[in-house]
Amino acid sequence: MITNFTMDKIDAKIEDVNLLQTQRYPKLNISIDDVESKNDKVVISYTFHADYKDGDSEKAKSVGHIKLNGIVEVTEDKTKHSKIVEQWKEKGNLPIDVAEEVINGLNFRCSATGTLVAYSLGLIPPLVIGQTKISEPAKK
């Protein structure tokens, strides 16, 4: 269960104000940068990135970007707590139930904050509509 959400860095920039009129909906990415155990909590570092271009081709020019960094704290019982950190260290991913909760929480919070930043810069809001559902890969 998420017990704390902190955003500690916001980086936003317009590359070319003349391209604002031709900007496309941003490409969005959430990266889990690190997972560690601190004070009986799982601390998950993240980066939310919205990248704006003036088209969809490989030659599209950069209009600007919004990047948000921070941490999410997750509180679980000690057994699950250990499994979350171990899985991150061994496989570089989170258990599906934790990943879904974290990604959906980040989508909501970063979309809200990103919208305020985007409005200030004249960018399209980086909204994520709907919930993310994660499933296990099909076994071969």
Protein backbone atom coordinates (compact mmCIF):
# COMPACT_ATOMS: atom_id res chain seq x y z
CA MET A 1 0.00 0.00 0.00
CA ILE A 2 1.35 3.44 -0.96
CA THR A 3 1.84 5.51 2.19
CA ASN A 4 3.79 8.47 0.81
CA PHE A 5 4.37 10.14 -2.50
CA THR A 6 7.05 12.81 -2.93
CA MET A 7 8.08 14.77 -5.99
CA ASP A 8 11.52 16.26 -5.43
CA LYS A 9 12.54 17.52 -8.87
CA ILE A 10 10.69 19.10 -11.77
CA ASP A 11 12.44 19.90 -15.04
CA ALA A 12 10.49 21.45 -17.90
CA LYS A 13 11.62 23.29 -20.98
CA ILE A 14 10.38 24.64 -24.29
CA GLU A 15 12.98 23.97 -26.99
CA ASP A 16 11.37 26.13 -29.68
CA VAL A 17 8.40 28.41 -28.90
CA ASN A 18 7.64 28.62 -32.64
CA LEU A 19 6.81 24.90 -32.68
CA LEU A 20 4.13 25.10 -29.96
CA GLN A 21 1.43 25.42 -32.63
CA THR A 22 2.44 22.10 -34.23
CA GLN A 23 3.11 20.06 -31.08
CA ARG A 24 1.71 16.55 -30.84
CA TYR A 25 0.43 14.71 -27.78
CA PRO A 26 3.54 13.85 -25.73
CA LYS A 27 5.16 10.45 -25.57
CA LEU A 28 4.95 9.43 -21.91
CA ASN A 29 7.26 7.17 -19.96
CA ILE A 30 7.48 6.17 -16.31
CA SER A 31 10.74 4.61 -15.19
CA ILE A 32 11.33 2.88 -11.89
CA ASP A 33 14.89 3.97 -11.17
CA ASP A 34 15.60 2.19 -7.89
CA VAL A 35 13.95 0.18 -5.14
CA GLU A 36 15.38 -0.02 -1.65
CA SER A 37 14.42 -0.72 1.93
CA LYS A 38 14.44 2.19 4.41
CA ASN A 39 12.91 2.31 7.89
CA ASP A 40 10.51 -0.61 7.34
CA LYS A 41 9.29 0.85 4.04
CA VAL A 42 10.00 0.08 0.43
CA VAL A 43 11.22 3.29 -1.23
CA ILE A 44 10.74 3.40 -4.99
CA SER A 45 12.51 6.14 -6.98
CA TYR A 46 10.85 7.11 -10.26
CA THR A 47 11.09 9.38 -13.30
CA PHE A 48 8.03 10.51 -15.26
CA HIS A 49 8.93 11.93 -18.67
CA ALA A 50 6.70 13.65 -21.23
CA ASP A 51 8.49 14.34 -24.51
CA TYR A 52 6.88 16.76 -26.98
CA LYS A 53 7.64 16.79 -30.71
CA ASP A 54 6.18 18.62 -33.71
CA GLY A 55 5.34 15.43 -35.59
CA ASP A 56 5.48 11.65 -35.52
CA SER A 57 8.37 10.98 -37.89
CA GLU A 58 11.93 10.25 -36.85
CA LYS A 59 12.88 13.70 -38.14
CA ALA A 60 10.33 15.45 -35.91
CA LYS A 61 11.73 18.42 -34.02
CA SER A 62 11.67 18.63 -30.24
CA VAL A 63 9.14 21.12 -28.91
CA GLY A 64 9.92 20.57 -25.23
CA HIS A 65 9.72 18.21 -22.29
CA ILE A 66 8.47 17.77 -18.74
CA LYS A 67 10.38 15.52 -16.36
CA LEU A 68 9.27 14.75 -12.80
CA ASN A 69 11.37 12.81 -10.29
CA GLY A 70 10.59 11.59 -6.81
CA ILE A 71 9.88 8.67 -4.55
CA VAL A 72 6.94 6.50 -3.60
CA GLU A 73 6.95 4.80 -0.20
CA VAL A 74 5.17 1.46 0.09
CA THR A 75 4.36 -0.15 3.43
CA GLU A 76 3.82 -3.91 3.49
CA ASP A 77 4.27 -6.72 5.99
CA LYS A 78 7.90 -7.76 6.47
CA THR A 79 7.64 -10.89 4.29
CA LYS A 80 6.21 -9.04 1.30
CA HIS A 81 8.55 -6.11 1.94
CA SER A 82 11.57 -8.41 1.54
CA LYS A 83 10.13 -10.07 -1.57
CA ILE A 84 9.60 -6.71 -3.29
CA VAL A 85 13.20 -5.61 -2.72
CA GLU A 86 14.64 -9.04 -3.60
CA GLN A 87 12.65 -9.24 -6.85
CA TRP A 88 13.86 -5.77 -7.84
CA LYS A 89 17.49 -6.71 -7.18
CA GLU A 90 17.23 -10.07 -8.97
CA LYS A 91 14.91 -9.32 -11.90
CA GLY A 92 14.74 -5.52 -12.14
CA ASN A 93 10.95 -5.46 -11.77
CA LEU A 94 8.25 -5.32 -9.10
CA PRO A 95 5.60 -7.88 -8.20
CA ILE A 96 2.56 -7.30 -10.43
CA ASP A 97 0.20 -6.12 -7.66
CA VAL A 98 2.75 -3.60 -6.37
CA ALA A 99 3.71 -2.47 -9.88
CA GLU A 100 0.06 -1.82 -10.80
CA GLU A 101 -0.57 0.21 -7.65
CA VAL A 102 2.62 2.24 -8.08
CA ILE A 103 2.18 2.87 -11.82
CA ASN A 104 -1.47 3.90 -11.43
CA GLY A 105 -0.60 6.17 -8.50
CA LEU A 106 2.21 7.75 -10.50
CA ASN A 107 0.01 8.17 -13.57
CA PHE A 108 -2.56 10.06 -11.51
CA ARG A 109 -0.16 12.26 -9.55
CA CYS A 110 2.26 12.99 -12.38
CA SER A 111 -0.55 13.71 -14.83
CA ALA A 112 -2.01 16.23 -12.37
CA THR A 113 1.30 17.95 -11.66
CA GLY A 114 2.38 17.71 -15.29
CA THR A 115 -0.86 19.39 -16.37
CA LEU A 116 -0.10 22.43 -14.21
CA VAL A 117 3.45 22.63 -15.58
CA ALA A 118 2.26 22.10 -19.17
CA TYR A 119 -0.33 24.85 -18.84
CA SER A 120 2.38 27.28 -17.71
CA LEU A 121 4.49 26.48 -20.78
CA GLY A 122 1.75 26.20 -23.40
CA LEU A 123 2.16 22.44 -23.79
CA ILE A 124 -0.55 19.82 -24.14
CA PRO A 125 -1.32 18.25 -20.73
CA PRO A 126 0.39 14.86 -20.24
CA LEU A 127 -2.79 13.08 -19.14
CA VAL A 128 -3.01 9.33 -18.71
CA ILE A 129 -6.60 8.18 -19.11
CA GLY A 130 -7.61 4.87 -17.56
CA GLN A 131 -5.88 2.43 -15.30
CA THR A 132 -2.86 0.32 -16.13
CA LYS A 133 -3.33 -3.43 -15.89
CA ILE A 134 -0.25 -5.66 -15.82
CA SER A 135 -0.25 -9.40 -16.46
CA GLU A 136 2.36 -12.14 -16.37
CA PRO A 137 4.01 -12.87 -19.73
CA ALA A 138 2.62 -15.95 -21.48
CA LYS A 139 4.65 -19.06 -20.78
CA LYS A 140 6.17 -20.75 -23.80
